C-alpha atoms as a PDB file:
ATOM      1  CA  MET A   1       0.052  -3.875 -22.309  1.00  0.00           C
ATOM      2  CA  ALA A   2       3.109  -5.437 -24.269  1.00  0.00           C
ATOM      3  CA  HIS A   3       2.633  -8.356 -26.648  1.00  0.00           C
ATOM      4  CA  VAL A   4       5.013 -11.094 -27.142  1.00  0.00           C
ATOM      5  CA  SER A   5       5.357 -13.930 -29.567  1.00  0.00           C
ATOM      6  CA  SER A   6       4.900 -17.668 -28.296  1.00  0.00           C
ATOM      7  CA  ASP A   7       8.893 -17.915 -28.843  1.00  0.00           C
ATOM      8  CA  GLU A   8       9.539 -14.749 -26.928  1.00  0.00           C
ATOM      9  CA  PHE A   9       6.960 -15.944 -24.194  1.00  0.00           C
ATOM     10  CA  GLU A  10       8.875 -19.566 -24.056  1.00  0.00           C
ATOM     11  CA  ALA A  11      12.115 -18.088 -23.681  1.00  0.00           C
ATOM     12  CA  LEU A  12      10.958 -15.573 -21.056  1.00  0.00           C
ATOM     13  CA  TRP A  13       9.189 -18.542 -19.238  1.00  0.00           C
ATOM     14  CA  GLN A  14      12.381 -20.869 -19.666  1.00  0.00           C
ATOM     15  CA  SER A  15      14.287 -17.922 -18.008  1.00  0.00           C
ATOM     16  CA  CYS A  16      11.839 -17.379 -15.133  1.00  0.00           C
ATOM     17  CA  GLU A  17      12.199 -21.175 -14.326  1.00  0.00           C
ATOM     18  CA  LYS A  18      16.050 -20.824 -13.674  1.00  0.00           C
ATOM     19  CA  GLN A  19      16.047 -17.233 -12.094  1.00  0.00           C
ATOM     20  CA  PRO A  20      13.004 -14.911 -11.811  1.00  0.00           C
ATOM     21  CA  PRO A  21      13.698 -11.598 -13.320  1.00  0.00           C
ATOM     22  CA  LEU A  22      14.494  -8.588 -11.229  1.00  0.00           C
ATOM     23  CA  LEU A  23      13.047  -5.265 -12.539  1.00  0.00           C
ATOM     24  CA  GLN A  24      13.940  -1.925 -11.191  1.00  0.00           C
ATOM     25  CA  ALA A  25      11.277   0.462 -10.894  1.00  0.00           C
ATOM     26  CA  GLU A  26      11.736   3.673 -12.543  1.00  0.00           C
ATOM     27  CA  SER A  27      10.499   5.553  -9.522  1.00  0.00           C
ATOM     28  CA  GLN A  28       9.920   5.000  -5.909  1.00  0.00           C
ATOM     29  CA  ILE A  29       6.380   5.107  -5.088  1.00  0.00           C
ATOM     30  CA  ARG A  30       5.524   6.755  -1.609  1.00  0.00           C
ATOM     31  CA  LEU A  31       2.200   6.102  -0.017  1.00  0.00           C
ATOM     32  CA  ASP A  32       1.063   7.649   3.108  1.00  0.00           C
ATOM     33  CA  LEU A  33      -0.936   4.925   5.020  1.00  0.00           C
ATOM     34  CA  SER A  34      -1.278   6.783   8.137  1.00  0.00           C
ATOM     35  CA  LEU A  35      -4.887   7.541   9.658  1.00  0.00           C
ATOM     36  CA  SER A  36      -4.036  11.092   9.832  1.00  0.00           C
ATOM     37  CA  HIS A  37      -3.644  11.084   6.013  1.00  0.00           C
ATOM     38  CA  MET A  38      -6.805   9.166   5.433  1.00  0.00           C
ATOM     39  CA  LEU A  39      -8.936  11.546   7.917  1.00  0.00           C
ATOM     40  CA  ASP A  40      -7.533  14.435   6.004  1.00  0.00           C
ATOM     41  CA  GLN A  41      -8.972  12.699   2.564  1.00  0.00           C
ATOM     42  CA  TYR A  42     -12.011  11.794   4.364  1.00  0.00           C
ATOM     43  CA  LEU A  43     -12.823  15.445   5.147  1.00  0.00           C
ATOM     44  CA  VAL A  44     -12.107  16.388   1.677  1.00  0.00           C
ATOM     45  CA  MET A  45     -14.858  13.921   0.725  1.00  0.00           C
ATOM     46  CA  ALA A  46     -17.350  15.210   3.666  1.00  0.00           C
ATOM     47  CA  ASP A  47     -16.790  18.693   2.089  1.00  0.00           C
ATOM     48  CA  ARG A  48     -17.957  17.285  -0.952  1.00  0.00           C
ATOM     49  CA  PHE A  49     -20.776  15.338   0.503  1.00  0.00           C
ATOM     50  CA  LEU A  50     -21.955  18.537   2.319  1.00  0.00           C
ATOM     51  CA  ALA A  51     -22.086  20.595  -0.987  1.00  0.00           C
ATOM     52  CA  GLN A  52     -24.020  17.541  -2.644  1.00  0.00           C
ATOM     53  CA  GLY A  53     -26.483  17.382   0.228  1.00  0.00           C
ATOM     54  CA  LYS A  54     -25.388  13.820   1.054  1.00  0.00           C
ATOM     55  CA  ILE A  55     -24.709  14.996   4.530  1.00  0.00           C
ATOM     56  CA  ASN A  56     -26.122  17.943   6.603  1.00  0.00           C
ATOM     57  CA  LYS A  57     -24.296  20.725   7.999  1.00  0.00           C
ATOM     58  CA  SER A  58     -24.273  19.547  11.625  1.00  0.00           C
ATOM     59  CA  ASP A  59     -22.805  16.075  10.820  1.00  0.00           C
ATOM     60  CA  HIS A  60     -20.360  17.872   8.833  1.00  0.00           C
ATOM     61  CA  GLU A  61     -19.184  19.968  11.785  1.00  0.00           C
ATOM     62  CA  ALA A  62     -19.395  16.919  14.261  1.00  0.00           C
ATOM     63  CA  LEU A  63     -16.787  14.863  11.671  1.00  0.00           C
ATOM     64  CA  SER A  64     -14.615  17.842  11.337  1.00  0.00           C
ATOM     65  CA  ALA A  65     -14.586  18.386  15.156  1.00  0.00           C
ATOM     66  CA  ALA A  66     -13.906  14.707  15.812  1.00  0.00           C
ATOM     67  CA  ILE A  67     -11.307  14.446  13.547  1.00  0.00           C
ATOM     68  CA  GLY A  68      -9.747  17.698  14.873  1.00  0.00           C
ATOM     69  CA  ASN A  69      -9.546  16.074  18.361  1.00  0.00           C
ATOM     70  CA  LEU A  70      -8.045  12.913  17.164  1.00  0.00           C
ATOM     71  CA  LYS A  71      -5.099  14.162  15.194  1.00  0.00           C
ATOM     72  CA  PRO A  72      -3.223  16.009  17.733  1.00  0.00           C
ATOM     73  CA  ILE A  73      -3.255  12.776  19.649  1.00  0.00           C
ATOM     74  CA  LEU A  74      -1.996  10.708  16.352  1.00  0.00           C
ATOM     75  CA  ASP A  75       0.764  13.138  15.953  1.00  0.00           C
ATOM     76  CA  ARG A  76       1.917  13.135  19.696  1.00  0.00           C
ATOM     77  CA  ILE A  77       2.010   9.154  19.505  1.00  0.00           C
ATOM     78  CA  GLY A  78       4.217   9.406  16.519  1.00  0.00           C
ATOM     79  CA  GLU A  79       1.641   7.559  14.316  1.00  0.00           C
ATOM     80  CA  LYS A  80       3.527   7.882  11.017  1.00  0.00           C
ATOM     81  CA  GLU A  81       6.687   6.452  12.170  1.00  0.00           C
ATOM     82  CA  LEU A  82       5.037   3.534  13.831  1.00  0.00           C
ATOM     83  CA  ILE A  83       2.951   3.133  10.486  1.00  0.00           C
ATOM     84  CA  ALA A  84       6.419   2.960   8.438  1.00  0.00           C
ATOM     85  CA  GLN A  85       8.033   0.568  10.982  1.00  0.00           C
ATOM     86  CA  GLU A  86       5.046  -1.746  10.756  1.00  0.00           C
ATOM     87  CA  ILE A  87       5.042  -1.413   7.155  1.00  0.00           C
ATOM     88  CA  ASP A  88       9.064  -2.264   7.037  1.00  0.00           C
ATOM     89  CA  SER A  89       8.211  -5.117   9.414  1.00  0.00           C
ATOM     90  CA  ARG A  90       5.750  -6.620   7.569  1.00  0.00           C
ATOM     91  CA  ALA A  91       7.843  -6.337   4.080  1.00  0.00           C
ATOM     92  CA  LYS A  92      10.610  -8.091   5.553  1.00  0.00           C
ATOM     93  CA  LEU A  93       8.418 -10.739   6.893  1.00  0.00           C
ATOM     94  CA  ARG A  94       6.679 -11.210   3.297  1.00  0.00           C
ATOM     95  CA  ALA A  95      10.017 -10.973   1.630  1.00  0.00           C
ATOM     96  CA  GLN A  96      11.199 -14.049   3.941  1.00  0.00           C
ATOM     97  CA  GLN A  97       7.898 -15.906   3.184  1.00  0.00           C
ATOM     98  CA  LEU A  98       8.448 -15.419  -0.425  1.00  0.00           C
ATOM     99  CA  GLN A  99      12.113 -16.539  -0.408  1.00  0.00           C
ATOM    100  CA  ASP A 100      10.843 -19.835   1.654  1.00  0.00           C
ATOM    101  CA  GLN A 101       8.194 -20.560  -0.945  1.00  0.00           C
ATOM    102  CA  VAL A 102      10.743 -20.097  -3.785  1.00  0.00           C
ATOM    103  CA  ALA A 103      13.443 -22.391  -1.825  1.00  0.00           C
ATOM    104  CA  ASN A 104      10.661 -25.131  -1.335  1.00  0.00           C
ATOM    105  CA  LEU A 105       9.788 -25.153  -4.988  1.00  0.00           C
ATOM    106  CA  SER A 106      13.314 -25.480  -5.945  1.00  0.00           C
ATOM    107  CA  ARG A 107      13.638 -28.365  -3.527  1.00  0.00           C
ATOM    108  CA  THR A 108      10.705 -30.282  -4.793  1.00  0.00           C
ATOM    109  CA  ARG A 109      11.774 -29.661  -8.610  1.00  0.00           C
ATOM    110  CA  SER A 110      15.066 -31.266  -7.871  1.00  0.00           C
END
C-alpha cells in the first residue's frame, strides 16, 4: 500500500472534489461467472473431498452424473452468452446510477 504525506493527501482530496481521478487498468480482468464454470470448479473440489474422505464414492458419482446431465443443457441455451449480456446490462445500469449520484452531489454542493 502506498503512503502519502498529509500535503499529498490534501492535494489529492481537493482534486477529487473537482474531478474524480480515472485510472486505467494495466490489464483486463476476465471472470467466468457461468454456472458451467462453477460446476467444473465444484467437481475439482469434489474430487479433493473424495480423496480426503469427506464425501463417499457414490455421492461423488451422483454429483458428477448430475453435473454431466446439466452442462449440455446450459450449453444448449447459450448460458455463457446470457450471463455476459446480463453482466453488461447490470454494469450499464450501475454506471448510470453512479453518474446520477455524482450529479446529485454536485447539485447539493452548488
